[in-house]
Amino acid sequence: MIGSLPMLRGLAGFNKDWLRSDIPAGLSIAAVGLPSAIAYPAIAGLPPETGIYASIVAPIAYAIFGPSKLLIVGPDAATMTVLAAAMAAIIAAEPAAASVDRVAIASALAIGVGVFCIAAKLLRLGVLASFLSRPILVGFFAGVSLSILVGQINRFTGVKIESDGLLAPVIEILSKAALIHWPSLLFGLSMFALLWIVRAFDLKIPGPVLVVVVSVVLSELFDFRGHGMAVVGDIPSGFPSFSLPAVHQMPITQLVLGSAVIFLVSFGAGIVTARSFGSRTGEDVDANQELIGLGAANIAPGLFGSFPISMSDSRTAINLSTGGVSQLAGLVSAATLVAALVFLHSALRILPIPALAAILATAAISLIDVQELKKIWRISRMEFVFALIAMWGAISFGVLNGVIVAVAATFVYLLRKTMFPRDGLLGHIEGRHGFFDLARFPEARPVEGAAVFAIQGNILFYNADYVRTRLTTVAKELAAGTKCFVLDASAITHVDSTGAVALDAVADALAKRDIVFAIADLSQESRGILERAGVIKKIGTHNLFNGREEALRALIGNSAEQ
C-alpha cells in the first residue's frame, strides 16, 4: 500500500523487519540531533525550542514528500548563519518603532525557502544545485565557520558584544576583559575540550550528548544559574502549534531576497550531502525530486514556528552507521524529540549557555574542510583561489553579502573557463592516424596546401571577439600557397549571433587572401544561426562538410591521413 503512494517513496516497500533497524537508528538520530537542535537557534537569536520544532516537523514532511530512504533533514549550522544575516536585513528594513518578532521572521523565511524549492522543481531547475561549485562551497563554509566561532564569544564569556565582523568582536572582548564571567568561560572551554576528547578517542557516546548530560547534571548540583552563569531557561513542553507568520507585515523585498539566498546555500550544500551519501549507498539522487522533499521540509517548520533547514550530514551519517533503512528512522527521531519536550523540558531549562557555545564552536570548526582545501590546492590552484575568494567574502562582507560574493566568484570562474576556448592548428604525424595539435606535438607537420584549425568551446557574445582575433591572426600568418582554411567545429556546440558576426569577419579576412573558408562537423543548431546571419551564404553550402577528412579530400584532393 505504502509503495503505491509516490509521495511516500522513503517508506516504499516497507515491512515490519525494518523496525529492528529503523527504531535504534531513529533513537540515535534524536540523541545526536537534540543538542544541536537546542544550540543552533542561538546563531540566529532564536529560542532553543524552535530548533527542536524544526527537528520534529521537518523529518515528518520529508518522510512524506522526499524521494530518499536514508537522507535526514534538520537544522544546519551554515544555513542558520545565512538565516541570521537574512533576518538582520529584514529587521533593519522594519520601521524603528515596529516590534520585532524574530520567530515570525524565521518562519516566513522558511516558507519562502520552501516556495523557492517548489518553484525550482516546477521549472526543473535542479541544476541550480551545481551552481555553487564544490571549491566555492568549501571556501564559503570556511568563512561561515569563522563567523560562527566569533559569534560564540558572548556565550563563552557572558559579555555582550556590540561589534560585528571578524576582528572587531575579538578586540572588543579584550577591551572588556574585566567583565568576563570566568566560571562561564572555564566551563565552556572544558566542555569544548570534552567534545574533542570524545572525538580523539572515538568513544561510543556522541560528544554533544555527553556534554548535554554532564552540563545538566553539574548545573543542577552546583546551581550554575544562581552563580551567574546563563542557562537556556524555560522551554515549552509538547508538540509545536500551527501558526501562519504575518508575511504581509514584513518587507517583501528583503523577505524574497533572504529566502532566495538561503535556498541557494541550503539546496546547494544539501545536494552535495545527498550525492556524497548516495555514492556510498548506491542510491540515485535526482536534484529535481529532492526539491519537493526539501521544499516540504522547509514549509512545515515555517507553519509550526520554526526556521529553514537543510539536509543534515551528521544526522544522515548516524542513520547510515546505525543501520537505518528507511524514512521510518526520521519519524522515530521526531517522535523521540516530542517525548523529550514533554518529559525533559525541566532538565533542558538548566542547560548552561556556555555548553551550547562549545557545541556550536565544535560544529563550526567541522565546517572547515582542511583536507578538501588541500585537495583543491593539489588539483587546481585557480579553483583554490576562488575558494579563498568565497571564504574572504563571507568574512569581510558578512554572510549574506558573502553569498553574493560566492555567486559572483562562480560567474567569474565560469567565464574564465569559457572566455578563452582552447584552440590550435592541426597537422599529422608520419605513420600515425588522425590529426594532432601542432603546438603540443613538435613532430606533427601542417597539412600541405591547407590549414586545419580546431576550437574546443562555444562561440558566444563574451568570447566572440577573442575567437575572431585568434582566427584572423592565424589567417594572416598562413603560408603562401594555402588554398583552404578548415574550421573543425566538432567541439563547438553553440554559436550565437555575436559569434556569427565574428565568423563573418573571419570569412572576409580569408577571402582577401583568396583562401577558401570551410567548416567541418558543424552542429545543426549552429548551422541554423549561421544561415540566418548570412555566413553560410557567404562561404557557400558546398564548403560545409561532415568531417575534416571529407573537407580536405574535396578541397585539395587529400585527407592528409597517414
Protein backbone atom coordinates (compact mmCIF):
# COMPACT_ATOMS: atom_id res chain seq x y z
CA MET A 1 0.00 0.00 0.00
CA ILE A 2 2.72 2.45 1.01
CA GLY A 3 4.80 1.58 -2.04
CA SER A 4 1.90 2.58 -4.32
CA LEU A 5 1.92 6.18 -2.99
CA PRO A 6 4.55 8.21 -4.90
CA MET A 7 4.71 10.75 -2.10
CA LEU A 8 5.93 8.13 0.36
CA ARG A 9 8.95 6.89 -1.55
CA GLY A 10 11.12 6.94 1.56
CA LEU A 11 8.88 4.21 3.02
CA ALA A 12 8.28 2.28 -0.22
CA GLY A 13 8.35 -1.48 0.22
CA PHE A 14 8.06 -1.16 3.99
CA ASN A 15 7.93 -4.35 6.06
CA LYS A 16 7.99 -4.95 9.80
CA ASP A 17 11.53 -6.32 9.72
CA TRP A 18 12.73 -2.76 9.12
CA LEU A 19 11.61 -1.84 12.64
CA ARG A 20 14.62 -3.64 14.12
CA SER A 21 16.92 -1.32 12.19
CA ASP A 22 14.97 1.93 11.96
CA ILE A 23 13.92 2.24 15.62
CA PRO A 24 17.51 2.14 17.00
CA ALA A 25 18.63 4.43 14.16
CA GLY A 26 15.85 6.91 14.94
CA LEU A 27 16.72 6.95 18.65
CA SER A 28 20.37 7.59 17.78
CA ILE A 29 19.44 10.42 15.39
CA ALA A 30 17.35 12.05 18.11
CA ALA A 31 20.12 11.67 20.70
CA VAL A 32 22.69 13.30 18.42
CA GLY A 33 20.27 15.85 17.00
CA LEU A 34 18.87 17.16 20.31
CA PRO A 35 21.99 19.08 21.41
CA SER A 36 22.43 20.77 18.04
CA ALA A 37 18.70 21.42 17.81
CA ILE A 38 18.94 23.37 21.07
CA ALA A 39 22.23 25.08 20.20
CA TYR A 40 21.81 26.12 16.55
CA PRO A 41 18.89 28.56 17.03
CA ALA A 42 21.19 30.75 19.12
CA ILE A 43 23.12 31.60 15.93
CA ALA A 44 20.06 33.48 14.67
CA GLY A 45 18.94 34.75 18.08
CA LEU A 46 16.01 32.33 18.23
CA PRO A 47 14.72 30.43 21.29
CA PRO A 48 16.01 26.85 21.65
CA GLU A 49 12.62 25.20 21.23
CA THR A 50 12.49 26.36 17.59
CA GLY A 51 15.36 24.00 16.80
CA ILE A 52 13.51 21.10 18.39
CA TYR A 53 10.35 22.00 16.47
CA ALA A 54 12.33 22.02 13.21
CA SER A 55 13.85 18.64 14.10
CA ILE A 56 10.35 17.23 14.63
CA VAL A 57 8.25 18.54 11.74
CA ALA A 58 10.92 18.68 9.00
CA PRO A 59 11.72 14.92 9.07
CA ILE A 60 7.98 14.14 9.07
CA ALA A 61 7.42 16.33 6.00
CA TYR A 62 10.45 14.86 4.23
CA ALA A 63 9.32 11.30 5.02
CA ILE A 64 6.05 12.07 3.21
CA PHE A 65 7.37 14.04 0.23
CA GLY A 66 11.09 13.27 -0.01
CA PRO A 67 12.47 10.72 -2.50
CA SER A 68 15.35 9.35 -0.43
CA LYS A 69 15.09 6.48 2.01
CA LEU A 70 18.16 7.47 4.00
CA LEU A 71 18.63 11.26 3.99
CA ILE A 72 17.71 13.02 7.22
CA VAL A 73 16.87 16.71 7.26
CA GLY A 74 17.28 19.12 10.15
CA PRO A 75 18.93 22.30 11.45
CA ASP A 76 22.28 23.09 9.87
CA ALA A 77 24.94 25.49 11.18
CA ALA A 78 25.73 27.05 7.82
CA THR A 79 22.06 27.56 6.94
CA MET A 80 21.48 29.09 10.38
CA THR A 81 24.27 31.60 9.77
CA VAL A 82 22.77 32.67 6.44
CA LEU A 83 19.36 32.82 8.16
CA ALA A 84 20.79 35.12 10.83
CA ALA A 85 22.09 37.50 8.15
CA ALA A 86 18.76 37.43 6.24
CA MET A 87 16.86 38.14 9.45
CA ALA A 88 19.16 41.06 10.27
CA ALA A 89 18.44 42.58 6.84
CA ILE A 90 14.68 42.23 7.35
CA ILE A 91 14.81 43.69 10.86
CA ALA A 92 16.92 46.62 9.61
CA ALA A 93 14.24 47.37 6.98
CA GLU A 94 11.46 47.43 9.59
CA PRO A 95 10.24 50.82 10.91
CA ALA A 96 12.16 51.89 14.00
CA ALA A 97 9.06 51.74 16.21
CA ALA A 98 7.93 48.33 14.96
CA SER A 99 8.05 45.40 17.34
CA VAL A 100 10.31 42.60 16.12
CA ASP A 101 9.07 39.01 16.19
CA ARG A 102 12.18 37.02 15.31
CA VAL A 103 10.36 33.68 15.30
CA ALA A 104 7.76 35.00 12.84
CA ILE A 105 10.51 36.32 10.54
CA ALA A 106 12.35 32.98 10.64
CA SER A 107 9.09 31.12 9.93
CA ALA A 108 8.31 33.40 6.98
CA LEU A 109 11.79 32.78 5.57
CA ALA A 110 11.32 29.02 5.96
CA ILE A 111 8.08 29.18 3.98
CA GLY A 112 9.84 31.38 1.40
CA VAL A 113 12.63 28.83 1.01
CA GLY A 114 10.04 26.09 0.57
CA VAL A 115 8.23 28.11 -2.10
CA PHE A 116 11.52 28.64 -3.96
CA CYS A 117 12.14 24.88 -3.82
CA ILE A 118 8.70 24.08 -5.28
CA ALA A 119 9.06 26.78 -7.96
CA ALA A 120 12.50 25.46 -8.89
CA LYS A 121 11.04 21.95 -9.18
CA LEU A 122 8.24 23.15 -11.47
CA LEU A 123 10.80 24.93 -13.65
CA ARG A 124 13.12 21.89 -13.49
CA LEU A 125 15.92 23.97 -12.03
CA GLY A 126 17.55 21.19 -10.05
CA VAL A 127 20.70 22.16 -11.95
CA LEU A 128 20.94 25.07 -9.51
CA ALA A 129 22.35 22.52 -7.07
CA SER A 130 25.52 22.53 -9.12
CA PHE A 131 25.62 26.29 -9.47
CA LEU A 132 27.89 26.79 -6.46
CA SER A 133 30.89 24.61 -7.23
CA ARG A 134 32.46 22.42 -4.57
CA PRO A 135 35.52 24.72 -4.16
CA ILE A 136 33.25 27.76 -3.79
CA LEU A 137 31.12 25.97 -1.15
CA VAL A 138 34.17 24.72 0.76
CA GLY A 139 35.61 28.24 0.89
CA PHE A 140 32.27 29.83 1.77
CA PHE A 141 31.63 27.40 4.63
CA ALA A 142 35.14 28.00 5.97
CA GLY A 143 34.29 31.71 6.13
CA VAL A 144 30.92 30.94 7.73
CA SER A 145 32.63 28.77 10.35
CA LEU A 146 34.85 31.66 11.41
CA SER A 147 31.76 33.87 11.71
CA ILE A 148 30.10 31.25 13.94
CA LEU A 149 33.22 30.95 16.10
CA VAL A 150 33.38 34.71 16.65
CA GLY A 151 29.67 34.69 17.44
CA GLN A 152 30.27 32.40 20.42
CA ILE A 153 32.45 34.93 22.29
CA ASN A 154 29.50 36.37 24.21
CA ARG A 155 28.18 32.90 25.11
CA PHE A 156 31.55 31.72 26.36
CA THR A 157 32.27 34.88 28.34
CA GLY A 158 28.87 36.22 29.35
CA VAL A 159 29.86 39.62 27.90
CA LYS A 160 27.52 41.33 25.43
CA ILE A 161 29.38 42.01 22.18
CA GLU A 162 28.18 45.01 20.18
CA SER A 163 30.51 44.90 17.16
CA ASP A 164 30.29 42.78 14.01
CA GLY A 165 32.86 41.24 11.72
CA LEU A 166 35.82 39.01 12.44
CA LEU A 167 38.42 41.06 14.32
CA ALA A 168 36.22 43.77 15.87
CA PRO A 169 34.50 41.38 18.35
CA VAL A 170 37.88 39.98 19.40
CA ILE A 171 39.22 43.48 20.03
CA GLU A 172 36.04 44.36 21.92
CA ILE A 173 36.24 41.37 24.27
CA LEU A 174 39.88 42.21 25.00
CA SER A 175 38.82 45.74 25.95
CA LYS A 176 36.06 44.30 28.18
CA ALA A 177 38.23 41.66 29.85
CA ALA A 178 37.21 42.91 33.28
CA LEU A 179 33.58 41.98 32.54
CA ILE A 180 34.28 38.35 31.62
CA HIS A 181 32.41 35.83 33.76
CA TRP A 182 35.31 33.48 34.30
CA PRO A 183 33.30 30.48 35.57
CA SER A 184 31.30 30.58 32.31
CA LEU A 185 34.44 30.81 30.20
CA LEU A 186 36.22 28.00 32.04
CA PHE A 187 33.17 25.75 31.94
CA GLY A 188 32.60 26.42 28.23
CA LEU A 189 36.23 25.66 27.41
CA SER A 190 36.04 22.48 29.50
CA MET A 191 33.01 21.29 27.52
CA PHE A 192 34.79 22.25 24.28
CA ALA A 193 37.77 20.13 25.36
CA LEU A 194 35.44 17.25 26.30
CA LEU A 195 33.98 17.27 22.79
CA TRP A 196 37.44 16.94 21.27
CA ILE A 197 38.44 14.23 23.74
CA VAL A 198 35.40 12.20 22.71
CA ARG A 199 36.33 12.67 19.07
CA ALA A 200 40.02 11.88 19.61
CA PHE A 201 39.36 8.63 21.49
CA ASP A 202 36.40 7.68 19.28
CA LEU A 203 34.16 6.99 22.25
CA LYS A 204 30.84 5.28 21.59
CA ILE A 205 28.68 8.01 23.11
CA PRO A 206 28.30 11.11 20.87
CA GLY A 207 30.19 14.12 22.22
CA PRO A 208 27.24 16.59 22.16
CA VAL A 209 25.05 14.10 24.04
CA LEU A 210 27.74 13.66 26.71
CA VAL A 211 28.18 17.44 27.02
CA VAL A 212 24.43 17.98 27.48
CA VAL A 213 24.15 15.25 30.12
CA VAL A 214 27.26 16.38 32.04
CA SER A 215 26.25 20.05 31.83
CA VAL A 216 22.70 19.47 33.08
CA VAL A 217 23.91 17.31 35.98
CA LEU A 218 26.58 19.81 37.04
CA SER A 219 24.15 22.71 36.62
CA GLU A 220 21.70 21.00 38.95
CA LEU A 221 24.34 20.05 41.52
CA PHE A 222 26.12 23.42 41.67
CA ASP A 223 23.30 25.81 40.79
CA PHE A 224 25.08 27.44 37.86
CA ARG A 225 22.25 29.91 37.33
CA GLY A 226 22.47 31.06 40.95
CA HIS A 227 26.18 31.71 40.44
CA GLY A 228 25.65 33.99 37.45
CA MET A 229 26.01 31.53 34.58
CA ALA A 230 23.45 31.90 31.79
CA VAL A 231 21.19 28.90 31.17
CA VAL A 232 18.68 28.01 28.44
CA GLY A 233 15.64 28.88 30.55
CA ASP A 234 12.04 27.85 30.01
CA ILE A 235 11.27 25.58 27.06
CA PRO A 236 7.64 24.94 26.15
CA SER A 237 6.58 21.30 26.52
CA GLY A 238 4.59 19.37 23.96
CA PHE A 239 4.14 19.47 20.19
CA PRO A 240 4.50 22.83 18.42
CA SER A 241 1.27 24.57 17.41
CA PHE A 242 0.25 25.50 13.86
CA SER A 243 0.56 29.20 13.03
CA LEU A 244 0.89 31.41 9.96
CA PRO A 245 3.50 34.18 10.15
CA ALA A 246 2.20 37.67 9.26
CA VAL A 247 4.13 37.87 5.99
CA HIS A 248 2.13 40.90 4.81
CA GLN A 249 3.60 42.95 7.66
CA MET A 250 7.20 42.26 6.65
CA PRO A 251 9.34 44.00 3.99
CA ILE A 252 8.62 41.77 0.99
CA THR A 253 11.78 42.62 -0.97
CA GLN A 254 14.11 41.63 1.86
CA LEU A 255 11.97 38.58 2.60
CA VAL A 256 12.18 37.34 -1.00
CA LEU A 257 15.90 38.06 -1.32
CA GLY A 258 16.64 36.42 2.03
CA SER A 259 14.62 33.34 1.09
CA ALA A 260 16.41 33.12 -2.27
CA VAL A 261 19.86 33.28 -0.69
CA ILE A 262 19.01 30.70 1.98
CA PHE A 263 17.52 28.45 -0.72
CA LEU A 264 20.64 28.68 -2.86
CA VAL A 265 23.01 27.86 0.00
CA SER A 266 20.91 25.18 1.73
CA PHE A 267 19.95 23.41 -1.50
CA GLY A 268 23.44 23.64 -2.99
CA ALA A 269 25.06 22.27 0.16
CA GLY A 270 22.24 19.80 0.72
CA ILE A 271 22.64 18.19 -2.69
CA VAL A 272 26.38 17.85 -2.07
CA THR A 273 25.45 15.94 1.10
CA ALA A 274 22.83 13.87 -0.74
CA ARG A 275 25.20 12.91 -3.53
CA SER A 276 28.00 12.15 -1.10
CA PHE A 277 25.89 9.64 0.82
CA GLY A 278 24.21 8.43 -2.37
CA SER A 279 27.60 7.42 -3.76
CA ARG A 280 28.16 5.27 -0.66
CA THR A 281 24.77 3.58 -0.69
CA GLY A 282 24.16 3.36 -4.43
CA GLU A 283 21.01 5.44 -4.08
CA ASP A 284 20.36 7.68 -7.10
CA VAL A 285 19.98 11.38 -6.31
CA ASP A 286 17.61 13.36 -8.52
CA ALA A 287 18.08 17.04 -7.67
CA ASN A 288 14.67 17.96 -9.12
CA GLN A 289 12.89 15.38 -6.95
CA GLU A 290 14.87 16.43 -3.88
CA LEU A 291 13.45 19.94 -4.39
CA ILE A 292 10.00 18.61 -3.48
CA GLY A 293 11.25 16.92 -0.31
CA LEU A 294 13.34 19.89 0.76
CA GLY A 295 10.51 22.29 -0.08
CA ALA A 296 8.04 20.41 2.12
CA ALA A 297 10.67 20.06 4.86
CA ASN A 298 11.06 23.86 4.92
CA ILE A 299 7.40 24.83 4.64
CA ALA A 300 6.47 22.55 7.56
CA PRO A 301 8.78 24.29 10.10
CA GLY A 302 7.54 27.63 8.80
CA LEU A 303 4.00 26.64 9.70
CA PHE A 304 4.99 25.49 13.18
CA GLY A 305 7.02 28.42 14.48
CA SER A 306 10.48 27.38 13.35
CA PHE A 307 13.14 28.14 10.71
CA PRO A 308 14.67 26.89 7.41
CA ILE A 309 16.52 23.57 7.43
CA SER A 310 18.74 21.61 5.09
CA MET A 311 19.87 18.05 4.54
CA SER A 312 21.89 17.12 7.60
CA ASP A 313 25.18 15.32 7.05
CA SER A 314 25.62 14.45 10.75
CA ARG A 315 22.11 13.00 11.15
CA THR A 316 22.35 11.13 7.84
CA ALA A 317 25.73 9.70 8.86
CA ILE A 318 24.22 8.47 12.15
CA ASN A 319 21.33 6.93 10.23
CA LEU A 320 23.70 5.00 7.98
CA SER A 321 26.12 3.97 10.72
CA THR A 322 23.31 2.58 12.90
CA GLY A 323 21.70 0.61 10.08
CA GLY A 324 18.68 2.74 9.20
CA VAL A 325 16.94 1.54 6.04
CA SER A 326 14.01 3.92 5.51
CA GLN A 327 12.45 7.23 6.49
CA LEU A 328 10.88 5.45 9.45
CA ALA A 329 14.14 6.32 11.25
CA GLY A 330 13.38 10.01 10.74
CA LEU A 331 9.84 9.54 12.04
CA VAL A 332 11.16 7.72 15.12
CA SER A 333 13.60 10.56 15.78
CA ALA A 334 10.75 13.07 15.53
CA ALA A 335 8.63 11.08 17.99
CA THR A 336 11.58 10.81 20.36
CA LEU A 337 12.06 14.59 20.34
CA VAL A 338 8.37 15.10 21.10
CA ALA A 339 8.85 12.85 24.12
CA ALA A 340 11.95 14.86 25.08
CA LEU A 341 9.90 18.07 25.01
CA VAL A 342 7.26 16.52 27.24
CA PHE A 343 9.48 14.77 29.76
CA LEU A 344 12.86 16.54 29.67
CA HIS A 345 11.97 20.23 29.33
CA SER A 346 12.62 20.85 33.05
CA ALA A 347 16.11 19.37 32.70
CA LEU A 348 16.88 21.23 29.48
CA ARG A 349 15.94 24.58 31.01
CA ILE A 350 19.04 24.48 33.26
CA LEU A 351 21.41 23.61 30.42
CA PRO A 352 24.27 26.19 30.59
CA ILE A 353 24.67 28.51 27.61
CA PRO A 354 28.50 28.05 27.58
CA ALA A 355 27.88 24.34 26.88
CA LEU A 356 25.85 25.29 23.82
CA ALA A 357 28.68 27.63 22.78
CA ALA A 358 31.07 24.68 22.96
CA ILE A 359 28.78 22.58 20.74
CA LEU A 360 28.42 25.42 18.23
CA ALA A 361 32.16 26.13 18.19
CA THR A 362 32.90 22.46 17.53
CA ALA A 363 30.29 22.36 14.75
CA ALA A 364 31.81 25.50 13.24
CA ILE A 365 35.30 24.01 13.19
CA SER A 366 33.92 20.91 11.46
CA LEU A 367 32.76 23.18 8.61
CA ILE A 368 36.39 23.98 7.81
CA ASP A 369 37.30 21.13 5.48
CA VAL A 370 41.08 21.40 5.56
CA GLN A 371 41.57 18.14 3.68
CA GLU A 372 39.29 19.28 0.87
CA LEU A 373 41.13 22.62 0.67
CA LYS A 374 44.42 20.73 0.38
CA LYS A 375 42.90 18.54 -2.32
CA ILE A 376 41.67 21.58 -4.26
CA TRP A 377 45.14 23.16 -3.96
CA ARG A 378 46.71 19.98 -5.32
CA ILE A 379 44.24 19.64 -8.20
CA SER A 380 43.80 23.26 -9.31
CA ARG A 381 45.47 26.37 -7.95
CA MET A 382 42.90 28.52 -9.77
CA GLU A 383 39.97 26.78 -8.06
CA PHE A 384 41.78 27.17 -4.74
CA VAL A 385 41.95 30.93 -5.34
CA PHE A 386 38.19 31.01 -5.92
CA ALA A 387 37.66 29.04 -2.70
CA LEU A 388 39.67 31.71 -0.86
CA ILE A 389 37.61 34.45 -2.53
CA ALA A 390 34.40 32.83 -1.28
CA MET A 391 35.87 32.50 2.22
CA TRP A 392 37.05 36.11 2.19
CA GLY A 393 33.60 37.27 1.06
CA ALA A 394 31.83 35.58 3.98
CA ILE A 395 34.35 37.02 6.46
CA SER A 396 34.77 40.54 5.10
CA PHE A 397 31.27 41.39 3.88
CA GLY A 398 29.09 39.33 6.18
CA VAL A 399 27.41 36.04 5.42
CA LEU A 400 24.56 37.43 3.29
CA ASN A 401 26.87 39.51 1.12
CA GLY A 402 29.30 36.61 1.22
CA VAL A 403 26.77 34.53 -0.71
CA ILE A 404 26.67 37.26 -3.35
CA VAL A 405 30.49 37.20 -3.49
CA ALA A 406 30.39 33.40 -3.83
CA VAL A 407 27.85 33.61 -6.66
CA ALA A 408 29.90 36.36 -8.35
CA ALA A 409 33.03 34.25 -7.96
CA THR A 410 31.19 31.35 -9.61
CA PHE A 411 30.26 33.59 -12.54
CA VAL A 412 33.84 34.80 -12.90
CA TYR A 413 35.12 31.24 -12.66
CA LEU A 414 32.72 30.05 -15.38
CA LEU A 415 33.56 32.97 -17.64
CA ARG A 416 37.27 32.45 -17.05
CA LYS A 417 36.95 28.82 -18.14
CA THR A 418 34.98 29.62 -21.31
CA MET A 419 36.17 33.06 -22.42
CA PHE A 420 39.37 31.68 -23.89
CA PRO A 421 38.49 28.33 -25.50
CA ARG A 422 41.35 26.06 -26.29
CA ASP A 423 42.29 26.15 -29.99
CA GLY A 424 45.11 25.39 -32.36
CA LEU A 425 46.29 24.44 -35.83
CA LEU A 426 46.21 20.72 -36.54
CA GLY A 427 48.53 18.56 -38.59
CA HIS A 428 49.56 14.94 -38.93
CA ILE A 429 52.38 12.75 -37.71
CA GLU A 430 54.01 10.37 -40.14
CA GLY A 431 52.93 6.81 -39.50
CA ARG A 432 50.08 7.74 -37.17
CA HIS A 433 46.39 8.09 -37.89
CA GLY A 434 44.46 11.27 -37.07
CA PHE A 435 45.14 14.95 -36.51
CA PHE A 436 47.41 16.44 -33.85
CA ASP A 437 47.83 19.90 -32.33
CA LEU A 438 50.97 21.42 -33.85
CA ALA A 439 51.75 23.29 -30.62
CA ARG A 440 51.52 20.15 -28.46
CA PHE A 441 53.25 17.73 -30.80
CA PRO A 442 56.54 19.08 -32.21
CA GLU A 443 56.80 16.09 -34.57
CA ALA A 444 53.45 16.98 -36.20
CA ARG A 445 53.53 18.70 -39.60
CA PRO A 446 50.88 21.03 -41.10
CA VAL A 447 48.74 19.80 -43.97
CA GLU A 448 50.31 20.87 -47.23
CA GLY A 449 48.16 23.45 -49.02
CA ALA A 450 45.61 23.67 -46.22
CA ALA A 451 45.13 24.84 -42.66
CA VAL A 452 43.01 22.87 -40.19
CA PHE A 453 42.05 24.83 -37.08
CA ALA A 454 40.10 23.45 -34.11
CA ILE A 455 38.20 25.40 -31.44
CA GLN A 456 37.19 23.49 -28.32
CA GLY A 457 34.36 25.60 -27.00
CA ASN A 458 31.31 27.64 -27.93
CA ILE A 459 31.50 30.98 -29.75
CA LEU A 460 29.30 33.31 -27.74
CA PHE A 461 28.98 37.04 -27.10
CA TYR A 462 31.57 37.13 -24.32
CA ASN A 463 34.33 35.31 -26.20
CA ALA A 464 33.42 36.06 -29.83
CA ASP A 465 35.88 38.93 -30.09
CA TYR A 466 38.70 36.74 -28.76
CA VAL A 467 37.84 33.96 -31.24
CA ARG A 468 37.64 36.45 -34.14
CA THR A 469 41.04 37.88 -33.23
CA ARG A 470 42.60 34.41 -32.98
CA LEU A 471 41.21 33.24 -36.31
CA THR A 472 42.04 36.39 -38.25
CA THR A 473 45.55 36.43 -36.79
CA VAL A 474 46.09 32.83 -37.87
CA ALA A 475 44.62 33.62 -41.30
CA LYS A 476 47.08 36.48 -41.84
CA GLU A 477 50.03 34.27 -40.89
CA LEU A 478 49.16 31.36 -43.18
CA ALA A 479 51.91 30.34 -45.57
CA ALA A 480 51.72 31.37 -49.22
CA GLY A 481 50.04 28.70 -51.29
CA THR A 482 47.47 27.83 -48.65
CA LYS A 483 44.28 27.00 -50.57
CA CYS A 484 41.78 26.46 -47.77
CA PHE A 485 41.15 27.06 -44.10
CA VAL A 486 39.09 24.29 -42.47
CA LEU A 487 37.48 25.16 -39.14
CA ASP A 488 36.97 21.98 -37.11
CA ALA A 489 33.65 22.72 -35.35
CA SER A 490 33.17 19.28 -33.79
CA ALA A 491 33.64 20.72 -30.28
CA ILE A 492 31.53 23.83 -30.93
CA THR A 493 28.02 23.08 -29.69
CA HIS A 494 26.61 26.59 -29.96
CA VAL A 495 27.26 29.80 -31.87
CA ASP A 496 25.16 32.88 -31.05
CA SER A 497 24.50 35.97 -33.20
CA THR A 498 27.66 37.71 -31.94
CA GLY A 499 29.68 34.59 -32.73
CA ALA A 500 28.16 34.58 -36.21
CA VAL A 501 29.37 38.14 -36.78
CA ALA A 502 32.86 37.06 -35.67
CA LEU A 503 32.91 34.17 -38.17
CA ASP A 504 31.63 36.52 -40.87
CA ALA A 505 34.66 38.75 -40.25
CA VAL A 506 36.94 35.70 -40.48
CA ALA A 507 35.36 34.77 -43.83
CA ASP A 508 36.10 38.28 -45.13
CA ALA A 509 39.72 38.11 -43.94
CA LEU A 510 40.24 34.77 -45.70
CA ALA A 511 38.51 35.97 -48.88
CA LYS A 512 41.01 38.84 -49.15
CA ARG A 513 43.77 36.22 -49.42
CA ASP A 514 41.78 34.00 -51.82
CA ILE A 515 41.64 31.23 -49.23
CA VAL A 516 38.53 29.06 -49.12
CA PHE A 517 36.79 29.08 -45.73
CA ALA A 518 35.29 25.67 -44.91
CA ILE A 519 33.62 24.39 -41.77
CA ALA A 520 33.64 20.73 -40.74
CA ASP A 521 31.23 18.94 -38.42
CA LEU A 522 29.00 21.96 -37.69
CA SER A 523 26.08 21.24 -35.34
CA GLN A 524 22.56 21.64 -36.69
CA GLU A 525 21.71 24.39 -34.19
CA SER A 526 24.84 26.40 -35.02
CA ARG A 527 24.21 25.93 -38.74
CA GLY A 528 20.77 27.48 -38.34
CA ILE A 529 22.27 30.53 -36.61
CA LEU A 530 24.93 30.96 -39.32
CA GLU A 531 22.37 30.55 -42.11
CA ARG A 532 20.11 33.25 -40.68
CA ALA A 533 23.15 35.51 -40.19
CA GLY A 534 24.18 35.10 -43.84
CA VAL A 535 27.52 33.43 -43.03
CA ILE A 536 26.64 30.16 -44.81
CA LYS A 537 25.60 32.06 -47.94
CA LYS A 538 28.92 33.92 -47.90
CA ILE A 539 31.14 30.82 -47.63
CA GLY A 540 28.79 28.58 -49.66
CA THR A 541 26.90 25.47 -48.57
CA HIS A 542 29.34 23.40 -50.65
CA ASN A 543 32.02 24.35 -48.11
CA LEU A 544 30.23 22.68 -45.20
CA PHE A 545 31.49 19.14 -44.55
CA ASN A 546 30.78 16.27 -42.20
CA GLY A 547 34.40 15.98 -41.12
CA ARG A 548 37.95 17.22 -41.60
CA GLU A 549 38.93 14.36 -43.87
CA GLU A 550 35.96 14.94 -46.17
CA ALA A 551 36.75 18.67 -46.35
CA LEU A 552 40.40 18.09 -47.27
CA ARG A 553 39.56 15.46 -49.89
CA ALA A 554 37.09 17.83 -51.54
CA LEU A 555 39.26 20.95 -51.34
CA ILE A 556 42.81 19.71 -52.00
CA GLY A 557 42.24 16.11 -53.06
CA ASN A 558 43.97 14.76 -49.94
CA SER A 559 42.61 13.88 -46.48
CA ALA A 560 46.11 14.26 -45.04
CA GLU A 561 45.63 10.99 -43.20
CA GLN A 562 48.58 8.65 -42.97
